Amino acid sequence: MEIGNFVTVHKDVWLHARPSADIKGESVLIIGERCFIGRRSHISAKNHIHIEHDVMLAASVLIEDHGHAYSDITLPIRDQGVTEGGRIRIEQGCWIGHGAAIICDRGELTLGRNCVVAANAVVTRSAPPYSILSGNPARIVKQFDSAKGIWVLGSSAPVRTEPANTTQV
């Protein structure tokens, strides 16, 4: 586990680094400088979780790069161990809202620079920089279009600044 300078970790936070057998010499949990981790948050790394500089986590955030195995119906779930999992990268400047969960069961999940994850969202897929994610499962509800210099809804429709035209019958 590597933790940068000036990281704030509030009460009742659980930072759990449990490397899988094939991970040798690599930190499985990296938290960059000036990060803020709110109360009761839980970060559990088996493969690799990298939280870059200046990321803020509100209270009760869950970040896991694996899950509990449950495929063998003849065994209790507690006896099946954990899934293979994947890798998570939360890029610089992201804000993760209260109660959000970021879970990667396989592959790689990246939240681009300055993403916002709404309260109670469940993130299971990557998102590009400057995206706002909401829902369960989380989807992009707003994104900054740098070519146009404006925020757009979803991933393509421009944000309305005036009421939509209505057709009268």
N, C-alpha and C. Protein backbone atom coordinates (compact mmCIF):
# COMPACT_ATOMS: atom_id res chain seq x y z
N MET A 1 0.85 -1.17 0.00
CA MET A 1 0.00 0.00 0.00
C MET A 1 0.90 1.24 0.00
N GLU A 2 0.53 2.21 -0.84
CA GLU A 2 1.25 3.49 -0.87
C GLU A 2 0.25 4.61 -0.65
N ILE A 3 0.56 5.51 0.28
CA ILE A 3 -0.30 6.65 0.56
C ILE A 3 0.54 7.92 0.46
N GLY A 4 0.08 8.86 -0.38
CA GLY A 4 0.82 10.10 -0.62
C GLY A 4 0.74 11.07 0.55
N ASN A 5 1.38 12.20 0.40
CA ASN A 5 1.39 13.24 1.42
C ASN A 5 0.05 13.97 1.48
N PHE A 6 -0.27 14.46 2.66
CA PHE A 6 -1.44 15.31 2.90
C PHE A 6 -2.76 14.61 2.56
N VAL A 7 -2.83 13.32 2.79
CA VAL A 7 -4.06 12.56 2.59
C VAL A 7 -4.87 12.62 3.89
N THR A 8 -6.16 12.91 3.78
CA THR A 8 -7.04 12.92 4.94
C THR A 8 -7.87 11.65 4.93
N VAL A 9 -7.79 10.89 6.01
CA VAL A 9 -8.55 9.65 6.16
C VAL A 9 -9.40 9.82 7.41
N HIS A 10 -10.71 9.87 7.25
CA HIS A 10 -11.60 10.10 8.37
C HIS A 10 -11.87 8.83 9.17
N LYS A 11 -12.61 8.98 10.24
CA LYS A 11 -12.94 7.91 11.18
C LYS A 11 -13.65 6.74 10.49
N ASP A 12 -13.34 5.55 10.93
CA ASP A 12 -14.00 4.31 10.50
C ASP A 12 -13.79 3.99 9.02
N VAL A 13 -12.70 4.45 8.43
CA VAL A 13 -12.36 4.09 7.04
C VAL A 13 -11.59 2.76 7.08
N TRP A 14 -11.87 1.91 6.09
CA TRP A 14 -11.16 0.64 5.99
C TRP A 14 -10.39 0.63 4.68
N LEU A 15 -9.06 0.57 4.78
CA LEU A 15 -8.17 0.43 3.62
C LEU A 15 -7.63 -0.99 3.67
N HIS A 16 -8.04 -1.80 2.71
CA HIS A 16 -7.72 -3.21 2.74
C HIS A 16 -6.92 -3.58 1.48
N ALA A 17 -5.68 -3.95 1.67
CA ALA A 17 -4.83 -4.40 0.55
C ALA A 17 -4.51 -5.87 0.77
N ARG A 18 -5.10 -6.70 -0.06
CA ARG A 18 -4.92 -8.15 0.04
C ARG A 18 -4.47 -8.66 -1.33
N PRO A 19 -3.17 -8.58 -1.61
CA PRO A 19 -2.70 -8.96 -2.95
C PRO A 19 -2.95 -10.42 -3.28
N SER A 20 -3.32 -10.67 -4.53
CA SER A 20 -3.45 -12.06 -4.99
C SER A 20 -2.05 -12.66 -5.11
N ALA A 21 -2.00 -13.96 -5.19
CA ALA A 21 -0.73 -14.68 -5.18
C ALA A 21 0.19 -14.29 -6.33
N ASP A 22 -0.37 -13.89 -7.49
CA ASP A 22 0.47 -13.58 -8.64
C ASP A 22 0.97 -12.13 -8.66
N ILE A 23 0.61 -11.32 -7.67
CA ILE A 23 1.10 -9.93 -7.58
C ILE A 23 2.38 -9.96 -6.76
N LYS A 24 3.49 -9.56 -7.36
CA LYS A 24 4.77 -9.57 -6.65
C LYS A 24 5.46 -8.22 -6.82
N GLY A 25 5.74 -7.56 -5.71
CA GLY A 25 6.50 -6.32 -5.74
C GLY A 25 5.73 -5.08 -6.16
N GLU A 26 4.47 -5.22 -6.50
CA GLU A 26 3.67 -4.08 -6.94
C GLU A 26 2.67 -3.73 -5.84
N SER A 27 2.52 -2.45 -5.55
CA SER A 27 1.52 -2.03 -4.59
C SER A 27 0.15 -2.25 -5.19
N VAL A 28 -0.75 -2.84 -4.43
CA VAL A 28 -2.10 -3.09 -4.94
C VAL A 28 -3.04 -1.93 -4.63
N LEU A 29 -2.67 -1.06 -3.69
CA LEU A 29 -3.47 0.11 -3.37
C LEU A 29 -2.57 1.32 -3.31
N ILE A 30 -2.85 2.29 -4.20
CA ILE A 30 -2.07 3.52 -4.25
C ILE A 30 -3.04 4.69 -4.11
N ILE A 31 -2.78 5.55 -3.14
CA ILE A 31 -3.60 6.75 -2.92
C ILE A 31 -2.67 7.95 -3.07
N GLY A 32 -2.97 8.79 -4.06
CA GLY A 32 -2.11 9.94 -4.36
C GLY A 32 -2.21 11.06 -3.33
N GLU A 33 -1.44 12.09 -3.57
CA GLU A 33 -1.37 13.21 -2.63
C GLU A 33 -2.66 14.03 -2.59
N ARG A 34 -2.91 14.58 -1.42
CA ARG A 34 -4.01 15.52 -1.16
C ARG A 34 -5.39 14.90 -1.38
N CYS A 35 -5.49 13.59 -1.25
CA CYS A 35 -6.80 12.94 -1.36
C CYS A 35 -7.56 13.08 -0.05
N PHE A 36 -8.87 12.97 -0.14
CA PHE A 36 -9.74 13.06 1.02
C PHE A 36 -10.64 11.83 1.01
N ILE A 37 -10.65 11.09 2.10
CA ILE A 37 -11.46 9.88 2.19
C ILE A 37 -12.42 10.05 3.36
N GLY A 38 -13.71 10.14 3.05
CA GLY A 38 -14.74 10.39 4.05
C GLY A 38 -15.01 9.20 4.95
N ARG A 39 -15.69 9.48 6.05
CA ARG A 39 -16.02 8.48 7.06
C ARG A 39 -16.69 7.24 6.47
N ARG A 40 -16.39 6.13 7.09
CA ARG A 40 -17.00 4.83 6.78
C ARG A 40 -16.75 4.35 5.36
N SER A 41 -15.82 4.97 4.64
CA SER A 41 -15.51 4.48 3.30
C SER A 41 -14.71 3.19 3.40
N HIS A 42 -14.80 2.38 2.35
CA HIS A 42 -14.18 1.06 2.35
C HIS A 42 -13.50 0.87 0.98
N ILE A 43 -12.19 0.70 1.00
CA ILE A 43 -11.44 0.44 -0.23
C ILE A 43 -10.75 -0.90 -0.06
N SER A 44 -11.09 -1.84 -0.95
CA SER A 44 -10.54 -3.19 -0.85
C SER A 44 -9.86 -3.55 -2.17
N ALA A 45 -8.55 -3.75 -2.11
CA ALA A 45 -7.75 -4.02 -3.31
C ALA A 45 -7.13 -5.41 -3.25
N LYS A 46 -7.38 -6.16 -4.30
CA LYS A 46 -6.75 -7.48 -4.47
C LYS A 46 -5.73 -7.45 -5.61
N ASN A 47 -6.09 -6.72 -6.70
CA ASN A 47 -5.24 -6.64 -7.89
C ASN A 47 -4.52 -5.30 -7.98
N HIS A 48 -5.32 -4.23 -8.16
CA HIS A 48 -4.72 -2.90 -8.25
C HIS A 48 -5.80 -1.82 -8.25
N ILE A 49 -5.71 -0.93 -7.27
CA ILE A 49 -6.54 0.27 -7.23
C ILE A 49 -5.59 1.44 -7.11
N HIS A 50 -5.71 2.38 -8.06
CA HIS A 50 -4.89 3.58 -8.04
C HIS A 50 -5.81 4.79 -8.00
N ILE A 51 -5.76 5.51 -6.90
CA ILE A 51 -6.51 6.75 -6.73
C ILE A 51 -5.49 7.88 -6.88
N GLU A 52 -5.59 8.64 -7.96
CA GLU A 52 -4.60 9.67 -8.24
C GLU A 52 -4.77 10.88 -7.32
N HIS A 53 -3.92 11.88 -7.49
CA HIS A 53 -3.90 13.08 -6.64
C HIS A 53 -5.24 13.82 -6.65
N ASP A 54 -5.54 14.47 -5.54
CA ASP A 54 -6.66 15.41 -5.41
C ASP A 54 -8.03 14.78 -5.64
N VAL A 55 -8.18 13.50 -5.34
CA VAL A 55 -9.48 12.84 -5.44
C VAL A 55 -10.18 12.96 -4.09
N MET A 56 -11.49 13.23 -4.14
CA MET A 56 -12.28 13.34 -2.92
C MET A 56 -13.34 12.25 -2.89
N LEU A 57 -13.41 11.54 -1.78
CA LEU A 57 -14.44 10.53 -1.55
C LEU A 57 -15.30 11.02 -0.39
N ALA A 58 -16.61 11.10 -0.61
CA ALA A 58 -17.52 11.45 0.47
C ALA A 58 -17.62 10.27 1.43
N ALA A 59 -18.51 10.37 2.39
CA ALA A 59 -18.70 9.28 3.36
C ALA A 59 -19.31 8.05 2.69
N SER A 60 -19.00 6.90 3.24
CA SER A 60 -19.61 5.62 2.88
C SER A 60 -19.40 5.21 1.43
N VAL A 61 -18.26 5.55 0.86
CA VAL A 61 -17.94 5.13 -0.51
C VAL A 61 -17.30 3.75 -0.46
N LEU A 62 -17.67 2.91 -1.43
CA LEU A 62 -17.10 1.57 -1.56
C LEU A 62 -16.33 1.49 -2.87
N ILE A 63 -15.08 1.05 -2.81
CA ILE A 63 -14.27 0.81 -4.01
C ILE A 63 -13.64 -0.58 -3.86
N GLU A 64 -13.97 -1.48 -4.81
CA GLU A 64 -13.44 -2.84 -4.77
C GLU A 64 -13.04 -3.28 -6.16
N ASP A 65 -11.87 -3.91 -6.27
CA ASP A 65 -11.43 -4.44 -7.56
C ASP A 65 -11.71 -5.94 -7.69
N HIS A 66 -12.64 -6.44 -6.88
CA HIS A 66 -13.03 -7.85 -6.89
C HIS A 66 -14.37 -7.97 -6.18
N GLY A 67 -14.95 -9.16 -6.19
CA GLY A 67 -16.20 -9.40 -5.48
C GLY A 67 -16.19 -10.78 -4.86
N HIS A 68 -17.28 -11.14 -4.22
CA HIS A 68 -17.39 -12.48 -3.65
C HIS A 68 -17.82 -13.47 -4.74
N ALA A 69 -17.18 -14.62 -4.76
CA ALA A 69 -17.58 -15.68 -5.69
C ALA A 69 -18.88 -16.32 -5.20
N TYR A 70 -19.72 -16.72 -6.14
CA TYR A 70 -21.00 -17.35 -5.77
C TYR A 70 -21.45 -18.38 -6.80
N SER A 71 -20.59 -18.76 -7.71
CA SER A 71 -21.00 -19.64 -8.82
C SER A 71 -21.29 -21.08 -8.40
N ASP A 72 -20.69 -21.57 -7.33
CA ASP A 72 -20.91 -22.95 -6.89
C ASP A 72 -22.09 -22.98 -5.92
N ILE A 73 -23.25 -23.42 -6.41
CA ILE A 73 -24.45 -23.37 -5.57
C ILE A 73 -24.44 -24.42 -4.47
N THR A 74 -23.45 -25.34 -4.47
CA THR A 74 -23.38 -26.35 -3.42
C THR A 74 -22.61 -25.85 -2.20
N LEU A 75 -21.99 -24.69 -2.32
CA LEU A 75 -21.20 -24.15 -1.21
C LEU A 75 -21.78 -22.82 -0.73
N PRO A 76 -21.68 -22.56 0.55
CA PRO A 76 -22.05 -21.23 1.03
C PRO A 76 -21.13 -20.18 0.38
N ILE A 77 -21.65 -19.02 0.11
CA ILE A 77 -20.85 -17.97 -0.52
C ILE A 77 -19.60 -17.66 0.30
N ARG A 78 -19.71 -17.66 1.59
CA ARG A 78 -18.55 -17.35 2.43
C ARG A 78 -17.39 -18.32 2.23
N ASP A 79 -17.67 -19.53 1.74
CA ASP A 79 -16.63 -20.54 1.53
C ASP A 79 -16.07 -20.52 0.11
N GLN A 80 -16.55 -19.64 -0.76
CA GLN A 80 -16.12 -19.63 -2.16
C GLN A 80 -15.02 -18.63 -2.46
N GLY A 81 -14.65 -17.85 -1.51
CA GLY A 81 -13.57 -16.89 -1.74
C GLY A 81 -14.03 -15.69 -2.56
N VAL A 82 -13.08 -15.10 -3.27
CA VAL A 82 -13.37 -13.90 -4.04
C VAL A 82 -13.14 -14.14 -5.53
N THR A 83 -13.71 -13.28 -6.36
CA THR A 83 -13.55 -13.40 -7.81
C THR A 83 -12.14 -12.96 -8.22
N GLU A 84 -11.82 -13.26 -9.47
CA GLU A 84 -10.52 -12.86 -10.02
C GLU A 84 -10.37 -11.34 -9.96
N GLY A 85 -11.43 -10.62 -10.28
CA GLY A 85 -11.41 -9.16 -10.20
C GLY A 85 -10.69 -8.50 -11.36
N GLY A 86 -10.45 -7.21 -11.21
CA GLY A 86 -9.81 -6.41 -12.25
C GLY A 86 -8.93 -5.33 -11.65
N ARG A 87 -8.87 -4.21 -12.35
CA ARG A 87 -8.03 -3.08 -11.92
C ARG A 87 -8.84 -1.79 -12.01
N ILE A 88 -8.62 -0.89 -11.06
CA ILE A 88 -9.35 0.38 -11.02
C ILE A 88 -8.36 1.53 -10.98
N ARG A 89 -8.64 2.55 -11.80
CA ARG A 89 -7.89 3.81 -11.75
C ARG A 89 -8.90 4.94 -11.67
N ILE A 90 -8.75 5.77 -10.64
CA ILE A 90 -9.56 6.98 -10.51
C ILE A 90 -8.61 8.14 -10.72
N GLU A 91 -8.77 8.83 -11.84
CA GLU A 91 -7.80 9.85 -12.21
C GLU A 91 -7.96 11.13 -11.39
N GLN A 92 -6.97 11.97 -11.53
CA GLN A 92 -6.83 13.18 -10.74
C GLN A 92 -8.10 14.04 -10.71
N GLY A 93 -8.42 14.55 -9.52
CA GLY A 93 -9.46 15.55 -9.37
C GLY A 93 -10.88 15.04 -9.33
N CYS A 94 -11.10 13.74 -9.29
CA CYS A 94 -12.47 13.21 -9.27
C CYS A 94 -13.15 13.45 -7.92
N TRP A 95 -14.46 13.49 -7.94
CA TRP A 95 -15.29 13.63 -6.75
C TRP A 95 -16.27 12.46 -6.75
N ILE A 96 -16.22 11.66 -5.68
CA ILE A 96 -17.07 10.49 -5.56
C ILE A 96 -18.08 10.78 -4.45
N GLY A 97 -19.38 10.80 -4.79
CA GLY A 97 -20.43 11.19 -3.85
C GLY A 97 -20.75 10.14 -2.81
N HIS A 98 -21.48 10.58 -1.80
CA HIS A 98 -21.87 9.78 -0.65
C HIS A 98 -22.55 8.46 -1.07
N GLY A 99 -22.06 7.35 -0.53
CA GLY A 99 -22.68 6.06 -0.75
C GLY A 99 -22.42 5.45 -2.11
N ALA A 100 -21.59 6.07 -2.93
CA ALA A 100 -21.31 5.52 -4.26
C ALA A 100 -20.49 4.24 -4.13
N ALA A 101 -20.64 3.35 -5.10
CA ALA A 101 -19.86 2.11 -5.16
C ALA A 101 -19.18 2.03 -6.51
N ILE A 102 -17.89 1.74 -6.50
CA ILE A 102 -17.11 1.55 -7.73
C ILE A 102 -16.55 0.14 -7.64
N ILE A 103 -17.04 -0.73 -8.54
CA ILE A 103 -16.72 -2.16 -8.44
C ILE A 103 -16.26 -2.66 -9.80
N CYS A 104 -15.12 -3.35 -9.81
CA CYS A 104 -14.58 -3.91 -11.06
C CYS A 104 -14.40 -5.41 -10.88
N ASP A 105 -15.32 -6.19 -11.44
CA ASP A 105 -15.24 -7.65 -11.34
C ASP A 105 -14.21 -8.26 -12.28
N ARG A 106 -13.91 -7.56 -13.40
CA ARG A 106 -12.91 -8.06 -14.34
C ARG A 106 -12.47 -6.92 -15.25
N GLY A 107 -11.31 -7.08 -15.87
CA GLY A 107 -10.81 -6.07 -16.80
C GLY A 107 -10.32 -4.82 -16.07
N GLU A 108 -10.49 -3.69 -16.74
CA GLU A 108 -10.04 -2.42 -16.18
C GLU A 108 -11.17 -1.42 -16.15
N LEU A 109 -11.27 -0.68 -15.07
CA LEU A 109 -12.26 0.38 -14.93
C LEU A 109 -11.50 1.66 -14.63
N THR A 110 -11.68 2.67 -15.49
CA THR A 110 -11.01 3.96 -15.30
C THR A 110 -12.04 5.07 -15.29
N LEU A 111 -11.96 5.92 -14.28
CA LEU A 111 -12.73 7.16 -14.26
C LEU A 111 -11.75 8.25 -14.65
N GLY A 112 -12.02 8.92 -15.77
CA GLY A 112 -11.12 9.95 -16.26
C GLY A 112 -11.05 11.15 -15.34
N ARG A 113 -10.12 12.00 -15.62
CA ARG A 113 -9.85 13.20 -14.82
C ARG A 113 -11.13 14.01 -14.56
N ASN A 114 -11.28 14.46 -13.32
CA ASN A 114 -12.37 15.36 -12.89
C ASN A 114 -13.77 14.79 -13.13
N CYS A 115 -13.92 13.49 -13.08
CA CYS A 115 -15.27 12.91 -13.13
C CYS A 115 -15.98 13.16 -11.80
N VAL A 116 -17.30 13.21 -11.88
CA VAL A 116 -18.14 13.32 -10.69
C VAL A 116 -19.04 12.08 -10.67
N VAL A 117 -19.05 11.38 -9.55
CA VAL A 117 -19.93 10.24 -9.37
C VAL A 117 -20.98 10.67 -8.36
N ALA A 118 -22.25 10.64 -8.76
CA ALA A 118 -23.34 11.10 -7.90
C ALA A 118 -23.52 10.18 -6.69
N ALA A 119 -24.17 10.71 -5.66
CA ALA A 119 -24.46 9.93 -4.46
C ALA A 119 -25.20 8.65 -4.84
N ASN A 120 -24.80 7.56 -4.21
CA ASN A 120 -25.42 6.24 -4.35
C ASN A 120 -25.33 5.63 -5.75
N ALA A 121 -24.52 6.18 -6.63
CA ALA A 121 -24.32 5.58 -7.95
C ALA A 121 -23.51 4.29 -7.81
N VAL A 122 -23.75 3.36 -8.73
CA VAL A 122 -23.00 2.10 -8.75
C VAL A 122 -22.24 2.04 -10.08
N VAL A 123 -20.95 2.28 -10.02
CA VAL A 123 -20.10 2.37 -11.22
C VAL A 123 -19.47 1.01 -11.48
N THR A 124 -19.73 0.46 -12.67
CA THR A 124 -19.14 -0.83 -13.06
C THR A 124 -18.42 -0.75 -14.40
N ARG A 125 -18.43 0.46 -15.02
CA ARG A 125 -17.77 0.66 -16.32
C ARG A 125 -16.97 1.96 -16.31
N SER A 126 -16.01 2.05 -17.18
CA SER A 126 -15.17 3.24 -17.30
C SER A 126 -15.96 4.43 -17.82
N ALA A 127 -15.42 5.63 -17.56
CA ALA A 127 -16.00 6.87 -18.07
C ALA A 127 -14.87 7.81 -18.46
N PRO A 128 -15.06 8.59 -19.55
CA PRO A 128 -14.02 9.52 -19.98
C PRO A 128 -13.91 10.72 -19.03
N PRO A 129 -12.84 11.50 -19.16
CA PRO A 129 -12.67 12.68 -18.32
C PRO A 129 -13.87 13.63 -18.41
N TYR A 130 -14.07 14.38 -17.35
CA TYR A 130 -15.10 15.43 -17.28
C TYR A 130 -16.50 14.89 -17.54
N SER A 131 -16.79 13.73 -16.91
CA SER A 131 -18.11 13.13 -17.02
C SER A 131 -18.79 13.15 -15.66
N ILE A 132 -20.11 13.22 -15.67
CA ILE A 132 -20.90 13.09 -14.46
C ILE A 132 -21.70 11.81 -14.59
N LEU A 133 -21.54 10.92 -13.61
CA LEU A 133 -22.20 9.62 -13.63
C LEU A 133 -23.24 9.53 -12.52
N SER A 134 -24.37 8.91 -12.84
CA SER A 134 -25.43 8.76 -11.86
C SER A 134 -26.20 7.48 -12.14
N GLY A 135 -26.80 6.91 -11.10
CA GLY A 135 -27.70 5.78 -11.27
C GLY A 135 -27.12 4.44 -10.89
N ASN A 136 -27.96 3.41 -11.03
CA ASN A 136 -27.59 2.04 -10.74
C ASN A 136 -28.17 1.14 -11.83
N PRO A 137 -27.33 0.70 -12.77
CA PRO A 137 -25.91 0.98 -12.89
C PRO A 137 -25.67 2.41 -13.36
N ALA A 138 -24.52 2.95 -12.99
CA ALA A 138 -24.21 4.34 -13.33
C ALA A 138 -24.07 4.50 -14.83
N ARG A 139 -24.54 5.63 -15.31
CA ARG A 139 -24.35 6.00 -16.72
C ARG A 139 -23.97 7.47 -16.75
N ILE A 140 -23.43 7.89 -17.88
CA ILE A 140 -23.02 9.29 -18.02
C ILE A 140 -24.27 10.13 -18.25
N VAL A 141 -24.51 11.09 -17.37
CA VAL A 141 -25.68 11.95 -17.51
C VAL A 141 -25.31 13.33 -18.03
N LYS A 142 -24.03 13.68 -17.93
CA LYS A 142 -23.56 14.96 -18.42
C LYS A 142 -22.06 14.84 -18.69
N GLN A 143 -21.59 15.59 -19.69
CA GLN A 143 -20.18 15.51 -20.05
C GLN A 143 -19.75 16.85 -20.62
N PHE A 144 -18.50 17.24 -20.35
CA PHE A 144 -17.99 18.49 -20.90
C PHE A 144 -17.44 18.23 -22.30
N ASP A 145 -17.95 18.96 -23.28
CA ASP A 145 -17.48 18.87 -24.66
C ASP A 145 -16.44 19.97 -24.85
N SER A 146 -15.17 19.59 -24.82
CA SER A 146 -14.10 20.59 -24.89
C SER A 146 -14.03 21.29 -26.24
N ALA A 147 -14.46 20.62 -27.32
CA ALA A 147 -14.46 21.25 -28.65
C ALA A 147 -15.45 22.41 -28.70
N LYS A 148 -16.62 22.22 -28.06
CA LYS A 148 -17.65 23.26 -28.06
C LYS A 148 -17.54 24.17 -26.83
N GLY A 149 -16.81 23.71 -25.82
CA GLY A 149 -16.66 24.50 -24.61
C GLY A 149 -17.93 24.55 -23.77
N ILE A 150 -18.78 23.50 -23.86
CA ILE A 150 -20.02 23.48 -23.10
C ILE A 150 -20.26 22.09 -22.50
N TRP A 151 -21.11 22.05 -21.48
CA TRP A 151 -21.56 20.78 -20.92
C TRP A 151 -22.70 20.28 -21.77
N VAL A 152 -22.71 18.98 -22.04
CA VAL A 152 -23.78 18.37 -22.82
C VAL A 152 -24.41 17.26 -22.00
N LEU A 153 -25.68 17.01 -22.24
CA LEU A 153 -26.37 15.93 -21.55
C LEU A 153 -25.94 14.60 -22.13
N GLY A 154 -25.91 13.59 -21.30
CA GLY A 154 -25.49 12.27 -21.76
C GLY A 154 -24.13 12.36 -22.42
N SER A 155 -24.04 11.86 -23.63
CA SER A 155 -22.76 11.96 -24.32
C SER A 155 -22.85 12.70 -25.64
N SER A 156 -24.05 13.27 -25.97
CA SER A 156 -24.13 13.96 -27.25
C SER A 156 -25.08 15.15 -27.28
N ALA A 157 -26.20 15.13 -26.60
CA ALA A 157 -27.20 16.20 -26.71
C ALA A 157 -26.76 17.44 -25.93
N PRO A 158 -26.86 18.64 -26.52
CA PRO A 158 -26.48 19.84 -25.79
C PRO A 158 -27.44 20.13 -24.64
N VAL A 159 -26.91 20.77 -23.60
CA VAL A 159 -27.73 21.16 -22.46
C VAL A 159 -28.69 22.24 -22.90
N ARG A 160 -29.97 22.11 -22.59
CA ARG A 160 -30.97 23.13 -22.94
C ARG A 160 -30.85 24.30 -22.00
N THR A 161 -30.88 25.49 -22.56
CA THR A 161 -30.86 26.69 -21.74
C THR A 161 -32.20 27.41 -21.79
N GLU A 162 -33.11 26.93 -22.63
CA GLU A 162 -34.44 27.50 -22.72
C GLU A 162 -35.43 26.36 -22.92
N PRO A 163 -36.72 26.59 -22.64
CA PRO A 163 -37.71 25.52 -22.79
C PRO A 163 -37.75 24.99 -24.22
N ALA A 164 -38.04 23.69 -24.30
CA ALA A 164 -38.16 23.06 -25.63
C ALA A 164 -39.39 23.60 -26.35
N ASN A 165 -39.32 23.64 -27.69
CA ASN A 165 -40.49 24.04 -28.48
C ASN A 165 -41.53 22.94 -28.36
N THR A 166 -42.78 23.37 -28.27
CA THR A 166 -43.86 22.38 -28.21
C THR A 166 -44.79 22.60 -29.39
N THR A 167 -45.30 21.52 -29.89
CA THR A 167 -46.23 21.59 -31.02
C THR A 167 -47.64 21.51 -30.49
N GLN A 168 -48.49 22.45 -30.89
CA GLN A 168 -49.88 22.44 -30.44
C GLN A 168 -50.72 21.72 -31.47
N VAL A 169 -51.70 20.96 -30.99
CA VAL A 169 -52.59 20.20 -31.89
C VAL A 169 -53.92 20.91 -32.00
